[in-house]
Structures are given as structure tokens and as C-alpha cells.
C-alpha atoms as a PDB file:
ATOM      1  CA  MET A   1       0.057  -0.028  -0.111  1.00  0.00           C
ATOM      2  CA  MET A   2       1.019   3.703  -0.269  1.00  0.00           C
ATOM      3  CA  PRO A   3       2.753   4.747   2.996  1.00  0.00           C
ATOM      4  CA  ARG A   4       0.551   6.808   5.147  1.00  0.00           C
ATOM      5  CA  PRO A   5       1.879  10.450   5.142  1.00  0.00           C
ATOM      6  CA  ASP A   6       2.607  12.408   8.347  1.00  0.00           C
ATOM      7  CA  VAL A   7      -0.778  14.145   7.613  1.00  0.00           C
ATOM      8  CA  PRO A   8      -3.192  11.577   6.136  1.00  0.00           C
ATOM      9  CA  ILE A   9      -5.569  14.126   4.440  1.00  0.00           C
ATOM     10  CA  ALA A  10      -6.906  13.743   1.015  1.00  0.00           C
ATOM     11  CA  LEU A  11      -7.963  17.271   0.116  1.00  0.00           C
ATOM     12  CA  ALA A  12     -11.083  17.373  -1.887  1.00  0.00           C
ATOM     13  CA  LEU A  13     -10.700  20.160  -4.504  1.00  0.00           C
ATOM     14  CA  ASP A  14     -14.447  20.249  -5.303  1.00  0.00           C
ATOM     15  CA  VAL A  15     -14.544  23.546  -7.062  1.00  0.00           C
ATOM     16  CA  SER A  16     -15.204  24.378 -10.847  1.00  0.00           C
ATOM     17  CA  ASP A  17     -12.598  27.109 -11.237  1.00  0.00           C
ATOM     18  CA  LEU A  18      -9.233  25.633 -12.083  1.00  0.00           C
ATOM     19  CA  ASP A  19      -7.240  28.619 -10.994  1.00  0.00           C
ATOM     20  CA  GLU A  20      -8.980  28.459  -7.679  1.00  0.00           C
ATOM     21  CA  ALA A  21      -8.282  24.774  -7.369  1.00  0.00           C
ATOM     22  CA  GLU A  22      -4.568  25.296  -8.248  1.00  0.00           C
ATOM     23  CA  ARG A  23      -4.378  28.124  -5.784  1.00  0.00           C
ATOM     24  CA  LEU A  24      -5.658  25.749  -3.031  1.00  0.00           C
ATOM     25  CA  ALA A  25      -3.307  22.878  -4.188  1.00  0.00           C
ATOM     26  CA  ARG A  26      -0.298  25.256  -4.111  1.00  0.00           C
ATOM     27  CA  ASP A  27      -1.168  26.703  -0.700  1.00  0.00           C
ATOM     28  CA  LEU A  28      -2.066  23.354   0.919  1.00  0.00           C
ATOM     29  CA  ALA A  29       0.086  20.698  -0.638  1.00  0.00           C
ATOM     30  CA  SER A  30       2.467  20.739   2.248  1.00  0.00           C
ATOM     31  CA  GLU A  31      -0.336  20.262   4.747  1.00  0.00           C
ATOM     32  CA  VAL A  32      -1.962  17.135   3.008  1.00  0.00           C
ATOM     33  CA  GLY A  33      -1.129  13.736   1.727  1.00  0.00           C
ATOM     34  CA  LEU A  34      -3.183  13.825  -1.479  1.00  0.00           C
ATOM     35  CA  LEU A  35      -4.922  16.350  -3.757  1.00  0.00           C
ATOM     36  CA  LYS A  36      -8.253  14.969  -4.792  1.00  0.00           C
ATOM     37  CA  VAL A  37      -9.624  15.845  -8.221  1.00  0.00           C
ATOM     38  CA  GLY A  38     -13.114  14.812  -8.464  1.00  0.00           C
ATOM     39  CA  LEU A  39     -15.922  14.969 -11.053  1.00  0.00           C
ATOM     40  CA  GLU A  40     -16.656  18.598 -10.592  1.00  0.00           C
ATOM     41  CA  LEU A  41     -13.334  19.799 -11.509  1.00  0.00           C
ATOM     42  CA  SER A  42     -12.471  17.168 -14.061  1.00  0.00           C
ATOM     43  CA  TRP A  43     -15.595  17.704 -15.996  1.00  0.00           C
ATOM     44  CA  ALA A  44     -14.953  21.490 -16.084  1.00  0.00           C
ATOM     45  CA  HIS A  45     -11.455  21.214 -17.259  1.00  0.00           C
ATOM     46  CA  GLY A  46     -10.650  17.608 -18.333  1.00  0.00           C
ATOM     47  CA  PRO A  47      -7.166  16.228 -17.964  1.00  0.00           C
ATOM     48  CA  GLU A  48      -5.549  19.687 -17.793  1.00  0.00           C
ATOM     49  CA  ALA A  49      -7.077  19.934 -14.308  1.00  0.00           C
ATOM     50  CA  VAL A  50      -5.041  16.773 -13.232  1.00  0.00           C
ATOM     51  CA  ARG A  51      -1.898  18.031 -14.926  1.00  0.00           C
ATOM     52  CA  ARG A  52      -1.969  21.356 -13.213  1.00  0.00           C
ATOM     53  CA  ILE A  53      -2.930  20.029  -9.794  1.00  0.00           C
ATOM     54  CA  ALA A  54      -0.287  17.234 -10.024  1.00  0.00           C
ATOM     55  CA  ALA A  55       2.488  19.995 -10.329  1.00  0.00           C
ATOM     56  CA  HIS A  56       1.852  20.655  -6.694  1.00  0.00           C
ATOM     57  CA  GLY A  57       1.493  17.191  -5.123  1.00  0.00           C
ATOM     58  CA  PRO A  58       0.376  13.593  -5.564  1.00  0.00           C
ATOM     59  CA  VAL A  59      -3.302  13.455  -7.068  1.00  0.00           C
ATOM     60  CA  PHE A  60      -6.130  11.108  -6.268  1.00  0.00           C
ATOM     61  CA  VAL A  61      -8.383  11.053  -9.234  1.00  0.00           C
ATOM     62  CA  ASP A  62     -11.875  10.435  -7.888  1.00  0.00           C
ATOM     63  CA  CYS A  63     -13.359   9.371 -11.219  1.00  0.00           C
ATOM     64  CA  LYS A  64     -15.517   6.486  -9.819  1.00  0.00           C
ATOM     65  CA  LEU A  65     -15.253   4.372 -13.036  1.00  0.00           C
ATOM     66  CA  HIS A  66     -18.226   1.989 -13.590  1.00  0.00           C
ATOM     67  CA  ASP A  67     -18.567   0.467 -17.022  1.00  0.00           C
ATOM     68  CA  ILE A  68     -17.759  -2.645 -19.044  1.00  0.00           C
ATOM     69  CA  PRO A  69     -14.243  -3.920 -18.437  1.00  0.00           C
ATOM     70  CA  ASN A  70     -12.826  -3.005 -21.718  1.00  0.00           C
ATOM     71  CA  THR A  71     -13.973   0.560 -21.329  1.00  0.00           C
ATOM     72  CA  VAL A  72     -12.722   0.822 -17.744  1.00  0.00           C
ATOM     73  CA  GLU A  73      -9.336  -0.637 -18.885  1.00  0.00           C
ATOM     74  CA  ARG A  74      -8.839   2.070 -21.366  1.00  0.00           C
ATOM     75  CA  ALA A  75     -10.037   4.856 -19.209  1.00  0.00           C
ATOM     76  CA  SER A  76      -7.746   3.673 -16.250  1.00  0.00           C
ATOM     77  CA  ALA A  77      -4.786   3.671 -18.771  1.00  0.00           C
ATOM     78  CA  ASN A  78      -5.470   7.226 -19.826  1.00  0.00           C
ATOM     79  CA  ILE A  79      -5.698   8.430 -16.278  1.00  0.00           C
ATOM     80  CA  ALA A  80      -2.543   6.603 -15.218  1.00  0.00           C
ATOM     81  CA  ARG A  81      -0.650   8.285 -18.090  1.00  0.00           C
ATOM     82  CA  LEU A  82      -1.178  11.610 -16.325  1.00  0.00           C
ATOM     83  CA  GLY A  83       1.147  10.401 -13.416  1.00  0.00           C
ATOM     84  CA  VAL A  84      -1.373  10.262 -10.651  1.00  0.00           C
ATOM     85  CA  ALA A  85      -1.024   8.564  -7.362  1.00  0.00           C
ATOM     86  CA  MET A  86      -4.493   7.005  -7.054  1.00  0.00           C
ATOM     87  CA  LEU A  87      -7.645   6.376  -8.845  1.00  0.00           C
ATOM     88  CA  ASN A  88     -10.985   4.694  -8.135  1.00  0.00           C
ATOM     89  CA  VAL A  89     -13.709   2.534  -9.576  1.00  0.00           C
ATOM     90  CA  HIS A  90     -16.985   1.236  -8.218  1.00  0.00           C
ATOM     91  CA  ALA A  91     -16.729  -2.137  -6.340  1.00  0.00           C
ATOM     92  CA  LEU A  92     -20.178  -2.907  -7.644  1.00  0.00           C
ATOM     93  CA  GLY A  93     -18.761  -3.115 -11.191  1.00  0.00           C
ATOM     94  CA  GLY A  94     -17.604  -6.518 -10.295  1.00  0.00           C
ATOM     95  CA  ASP A  95     -14.459  -8.630 -10.371  1.00  0.00           C
ATOM     96  CA  ALA A  96     -13.783  -8.403 -14.190  1.00  0.00           C
ATOM     97  CA  MET A  97     -14.173  -4.722 -14.301  1.00  0.00           C
ATOM     98  CA  MET A  98     -11.949  -4.136 -11.219  1.00  0.00           C
ATOM     99  CA  ARG A  99      -9.201  -6.377 -12.656  1.00  0.00           C
ATOM    100  CA  ALA A 100      -9.414  -4.517 -15.873  1.00  0.00           C
ATOM    101  CA  ALA A 101      -8.893  -1.203 -14.073  1.00  0.00           C
ATOM    102  CA  VAL A 102      -5.786  -2.499 -12.475  1.00  0.00           C
ATOM    103  CA  GLU A 103      -4.458  -3.856 -15.745  1.00  0.00           C
ATOM    104  CA  GLY A 104      -5.215  -0.548 -17.550  1.00  0.00           C
ATOM    105  CA  ALA A 105      -3.516   1.492 -14.842  1.00  0.00           C
ATOM    106  CA  GLN A 106      -0.473  -0.667 -15.158  1.00  0.00           C
ATOM    107  CA  ARG A 107      -0.380  -0.412 -18.897  1.00  0.00           C
ATOM    108  CA  GLY A 108      -0.824   3.297 -19.043  1.00  0.00           C
ATOM    109  CA  ALA A 109       1.745   3.974 -16.507  1.00  0.00           C
ATOM    110  CA  ASP A 110       4.273   1.744 -18.135  1.00  0.00           C
ATOM    111  CA  GLU A 111       3.608   3.349 -21.629  1.00  0.00           C
ATOM    112  CA  ALA A 112       4.151   6.818 -19.999  1.00  0.00           C
ATOM    113  CA  GLY A 113       7.168   5.804 -17.952  1.00  0.00           C
ATOM    114  CA  VAL A 114       5.502   6.836 -14.673  1.00  0.00           C
ATOM    115  CA  ALA A 115       4.694   4.995 -11.347  1.00  0.00           C
ATOM    116  CA  SER A 116       1.626   2.869 -11.580  1.00  0.00           C
ATOM    117  CA  PRO A 117      -1.272   4.449  -9.439  1.00  0.00           C
ATOM    118  CA  MET A 118      -2.945   2.573  -6.666  1.00  0.00           C
ATOM    119  CA  VAL A 119      -6.379   1.617  -7.831  1.00  0.00           C
ATOM    120  CA  ILE A 120      -8.990   1.547  -5.053  1.00  0.00           C
ATOM    121  CA  ALA A 121     -12.777   0.845  -5.038  1.00  0.00           C
ATOM    122  CA  VAL A 122     -15.742   2.754  -3.783  1.00  0.00           C
ATOM    123  CA  THR A 123     -17.832   0.457  -1.553  1.00  0.00           C
ATOM    124  CA  VAL A 124     -20.868   2.460  -0.400  1.00  0.00           C
ATOM    125  CA  LEU A 125     -21.057   6.259  -0.943  1.00  0.00           C
ATOM    126  CA  SER A 126     -21.025   8.207   2.442  1.00  0.00           C
ATOM    127  CA  SER A 127     -24.242  10.149   1.311  1.00  0.00           C
ATOM    128  CA  ILE A 128     -26.140   6.775   1.365  1.00  0.00           C
ATOM    129  CA  GLY A 129     -27.649   5.481   4.646  1.00  0.00           C
ATOM    130  CA  GLY A 130     -29.231   2.077   5.445  1.00  0.00           C
ATOM    131  CA  ASP A 131     -28.337  -1.543   4.803  1.00  0.00           C
ATOM    132  CA  GLU A 132     -30.001  -2.112   1.471  1.00  0.00           C
ATOM    133  CA  LEU A 133     -26.729  -2.580  -0.327  1.00  0.00           C
ATOM    134  CA  ALA A 134     -24.096  -5.263  -0.274  1.00  0.00           C
ATOM    135  CA  THR A 135     -21.985  -4.849   2.805  1.00  0.00           C
ATOM    136  CA  PRO A 136     -18.781  -2.681   2.589  1.00  0.00           C
ATOM    137  CA  ALA A 137     -16.755  -5.564   3.971  1.00  0.00           C
ATOM    138  CA  SER A 138     -17.807  -8.081   1.337  1.00  0.00           C
ATOM    139  CA  LEU A 139     -17.218  -5.426  -1.441  1.00  0.00           C
ATOM    140  CA  ALA A 140     -13.857  -4.632  -0.017  1.00  0.00           C
ATOM    141  CA  TRP A 141     -12.932  -8.273   0.099  1.00  0.00           C
ATOM    142  CA  GLU A 142     -13.889  -8.589  -3.660  1.00  0.00           C
ATOM    143  CA  ALA A 143     -11.812  -5.684  -4.487  1.00  0.00           C
ATOM    144  CA  LYS A 144      -8.769  -7.143  -2.703  1.00  0.00           C
ATOM    145  CA  GLN A 145      -9.251 -10.444  -4.470  1.00  0.00           C
ATOM    146  CA  ALA A 146      -9.386  -8.525  -7.758  1.00  0.00           C
ATOM    147  CA  GLY A 147      -5.858  -7.122  -7.100  1.00  0.00           C
ATOM    148  CA  LEU A 148      -6.966  -3.511  -5.916  1.00  0.00           C
ATOM    149  CA  GLY A 149      -4.940  -1.757  -3.208  1.00  0.00           C
ATOM    150  CA  GLY A 150      -7.656  -0.325  -1.137  1.00  0.00           C
ATOM    151  CA  VAL A 151     -11.259   0.918  -0.803  1.00  0.00           C
ATOM    152  CA  VAL A 152     -13.224   4.102  -0.068  1.00  0.00           C
ATOM    153  CA  VAL A 153     -15.251   3.132   2.951  1.00  0.00           C
ATOM    154  CA  SER A 154     -17.280   5.008   5.599  1.00  0.00           C
ATOM    155  CA  GLY A 155     -15.734   5.476   9.101  1.00  0.00           C
ATOM    156  CA  GLU A 156     -18.317   3.215  10.737  1.00  0.00           C
ATOM    157  CA  ASP A 157     -17.190   0.405   8.506  1.00  0.00           C
ATOM    158  CA  VAL A 158     -13.413   0.823   8.777  1.00  0.00           C
ATOM    159  CA  ARG A 159     -13.073  -1.861  11.528  1.00  0.00           C
ATOM    160  CA  ASP A 160     -15.069  -4.485   9.735  1.00  0.00           C
ATOM    161  CA  VAL A 161     -13.147  -3.910   6.534  1.00  0.00           C
ATOM    162  CA  ARG A 162      -9.760  -3.935   8.275  1.00  0.00           C
ATOM    163  CA  ASP A 163     -10.664  -7.207   9.982  1.00  0.00           C
ATOM    164  CA  VAL A 164     -11.546  -8.766   6.681  1.00  0.00           C
ATOM    165  CA  CYS A 165      -8.880  -7.245   4.437  1.00  0.00           C
ATOM    166  CA  GLY A 166      -5.809  -6.836   6.851  1.00  0.00           C
ATOM    167  CA  GLU A 167      -3.487  -4.061   7.759  1.00  0.00           C
ATOM    168  CA  GLU A 168      -1.877  -3.698   4.418  1.00  0.00           C
ATOM    169  CA  PHE A 169      -5.083  -2.688   2.502  1.00  0.00           C
ATOM    170  CA  CYS A 170      -5.509   1.007   2.082  1.00  0.00           C
ATOM    171  CA  LEU A 171      -8.780   2.512   3.576  1.00  0.00           C
ATOM    172  CA  VAL A 172      -9.727   5.942   2.411  1.00  0.00           C
ATOM    173  CA  VAL A 173     -12.665   7.543   4.549  1.00  0.00           C
ATOM    174  CA  PRO A 174     -14.810  10.376   3.378  1.00  0.00           C
ATOM    175  CA  GLY A 175     -17.341  12.204   5.516  1.00  0.00           C
ATOM    176  CA  ILE A 176     -14.675  13.668   7.754  1.00  0.00           C
ATOM    177  CA  ARG A 177     -15.647  16.777   9.712  1.00  0.00           C
ATOM    178  CA  PRO A 178     -14.004  18.509  12.586  1.00  0.00           C
ATOM    179  CA  ALA A 179     -15.931  18.180  15.773  1.00  0.00           C
ATOM    180  CA  GLY A 180     -18.915  20.664  15.958  1.00  0.00           C
ATOM    181  CA  THR A 181     -19.097  21.327  12.187  1.00  0.00           C
ATOM    182  CA  ASN A 182     -21.979  20.597   9.684  1.00  0.00           C
ATOM    183  CA  GLY A 183     -21.909  17.175   7.962  1.00  0.00           C
ATOM    184  CA  HIS A 184     -23.710  18.818   4.848  1.00  0.00           C
ATOM    185  CA  ASP A 185     -24.774  16.127   2.450  1.00  0.00           C
ATOM    186  CA  GLN A 186     -22.819  13.243   4.173  1.00  0.00           C
ATOM    187  CA  VAL A 187     -24.812  10.771   6.214  1.00  0.00           C
ATOM    188  CA  ARG A 188     -21.869   8.894   7.738  1.00  0.00           C
ATOM    189  CA  VAL A 189     -19.732  11.528   9.416  1.00  0.00           C
ATOM    190  CA  LEU A 190     -16.754  11.130  11.805  1.00  0.00           C
ATOM    191  CA  THR A 191     -14.158  13.478  13.235  1.00  0.00           C
ATOM    192  CA  PRO A 192     -10.446  12.924  12.106  1.00  0.00           C
ATOM    193  CA  ARG A 193      -9.412  11.502  15.312  1.00  0.00           C
ATOM    194  CA  GLU A 194     -12.406   9.016  15.412  1.00  0.00           C
ATOM    195  CA  ALA A 195     -11.555   7.962  11.896  1.00  0.00           C
ATOM    196  CA  ILE A 196      -7.885   7.306  12.572  1.00  0.00           C
ATOM    197  CA  GLU A 197      -8.660   5.453  15.680  1.00  0.00           C
ATOM    198  CA  ARG A 198     -10.909   3.070  13.775  1.00  0.00           C
ATOM    199  CA  GLY A 199      -8.172   2.479  11.294  1.00  0.00           C
ATOM    200  CA  ALA A 200      -8.386   4.855   8.533  1.00  0.00           C
ATOM    201  CA  ASP A 201      -5.263   5.561   6.304  1.00  0.00           C
ATOM    202  CA  TYR A 202      -6.557   8.661   4.401  1.00  0.00           C
ATOM    203  CA  LEU A 203      -9.285  11.134   5.369  1.00  0.00           C
ATOM    204  CA  VAL A 204     -11.089  12.837   2.674  1.00  0.00           C
ATOM    205  CA  VAL A 205     -11.768  16.449   3.674  1.00  0.00           C
ATOM    206  CA  GLY A 206     -13.089  19.268   1.502  1.00  0.00           C
ATOM    207  CA  ARG A 207     -15.227  22.145   2.539  1.00  0.00           C
ATOM    208  CA  ALA A 208     -13.967  21.986   6.120  1.00  0.00           C
ATOM    209  CA  ILE A 209     -10.569  23.237   4.788  1.00  0.00           C
ATOM    210  CA  THR A 210     -11.290  24.844   1.427  1.00  0.00           C
ATOM    211  CA  ALA A 211     -14.237  27.001   2.709  1.00  0.00           C
ATOM    212  CA  ALA A 212     -12.500  28.050   6.063  1.00  0.00           C
ATOM    213  CA  PRO A 213     -11.496  31.616   6.489  1.00  0.00           C
ATOM    214  CA  ASP A 214      -7.829  30.284   6.980  1.00  0.00           C
ATOM    215  CA  PRO A 215      -7.539  27.154   4.938  1.00  0.00           C
ATOM    216  CA  VAL A 216      -3.941  26.558   6.056  1.00  0.00           C
ATOM    217  CA  GLY A 217      -4.839  26.734   9.615  1.00  0.00           C
ATOM    218  CA  ALA A 218      -7.872  24.470   9.208  1.00  0.00           C
ATOM    219  CA  ALA A 219      -5.726  21.893   7.482  1.00  0.00           C
ATOM    220  CA  ARG A 220      -3.150  22.029  10.228  1.00  0.00           C
ATOM    221  CA  ALA A 221      -5.882  21.735  12.917  1.00  0.00           C
ATOM    222  CA  ILE A 222      -7.376  18.637  11.267  1.00  0.00           C
ATOM    223  CA  GLY A 223      -3.855  17.282  10.888  1.00  0.00           C
ATOM    224  CA  ARG A 224      -3.283  17.586  14.580  1.00  0.00           C
ATOM    225  CA  ASP A 225      -6.529  15.992  15.416  1.00  0.00           C
ATOM    226  CA  ALA A 226      -5.739  12.996  13.207  1.00  0.00           C
ATOM    227  CA  ARG A 227      -2.472  12.339  14.993  1.00  0.00           C
END
């Protein structure tokens, strides 16, 4: 797995303005472990968004690929060519699709002469509550068997997933909010310390940092809470 950084924050650059995103990346790269480029920014500016953000630190492309294996293989290859650290797919896409994502990422990285990114799988989105879906632990196990390096999993499921998949499996946890703040559209919310104590490797944090009056100070405070 990717080694946990001193500050295990994956900063969600969920904005549409690329100049704003790059400013945030430049100002905060030293305070976080990953710079997350999600659907909003990538659909506004395409691969150029990844290239510009990657100039400031390791990038996690939150693309949530979910399609037939051949399409996912090719998309993963194209993302990997950009020199990113991490990308994700949906675990519900199944074994063949997840294996295709890993193969594509390796192929694209090899062709570009860059390090192959870690491919992780989304289990259950943190905006979804209830038990009507496959369990995160079972989806995580399927992802591990398919050769993926980790999963996106809610904080309340971290312990179960860790028990099933072991210590070397990377767990990326969204829905992180400092104590006393609004959970916004996230149903499953934990503080940074709670998530780390449960076994998280990376904490996805966005508005609590990017919308703060002092983003650098907010990132440092969350980093201290995560230790």
C-alpha cells in the first residue's frame, strides 16, 4: 500500500474554477497527503486539471469508473498516463471490471514511464444510509481479491473492512468533519481522530478546509486531530 503520510488528509478540490483549485493545491500541498480531483473539476477542465494540480503534489483522481471492463481498462490507462497517485472505480462493477482497471492503470503508467497508481474501489457512498446494499466488508474483500490496493469506505465500516482485508489494505474514508461542524450532504460523518482510531489511512476532507477563512490553519488543525 501507499505509505501513510505524516498528515493523512486527501484534500477534496471540489470547485469548478481551475485557478482556484490550483491556488488551493499550491497553498495546501505541504499540509496534506493527497490532492483529490473529483468529477466537478475534471468535467470542467478535463485532463488539464489533473496536470496542473499534479504539479503541486500527488493526485487522487476520484473518477468512480463503472462500465464494461474494456472501457474501464482504457479509461484507467489514460488516467494513469497523467502520473497520478491513485484512482478509483465502483466495487459494484464486479471482479472483471476491477481487474481491468488494475491492468489498464499498469499499462498506461508503463507506456508513459511513470509509477503505476494505486487503484481503489468505492464500496458504499457516504451520502447513502441504510443496509439495503451489499456490505462494505464484502465489497472490499472482492476488491482485494481482484488485485486492488484499497477501498473508499465510511468510518463506521473501517473496523469491519480492516478485519476482513488486513493491515496492508488502504482505507480511504470520506465524510470527515472536525468536531462541531456541519456534515452537509454526508450521512456517515466522523471526526478525524475517530476515523484514525478506527483504522483509516486517508481522510477525505473538502469544505472544512477549502471554505474556511484560513484554509492552511484549518488543515493544520485537522492534521493535529488526526495524530
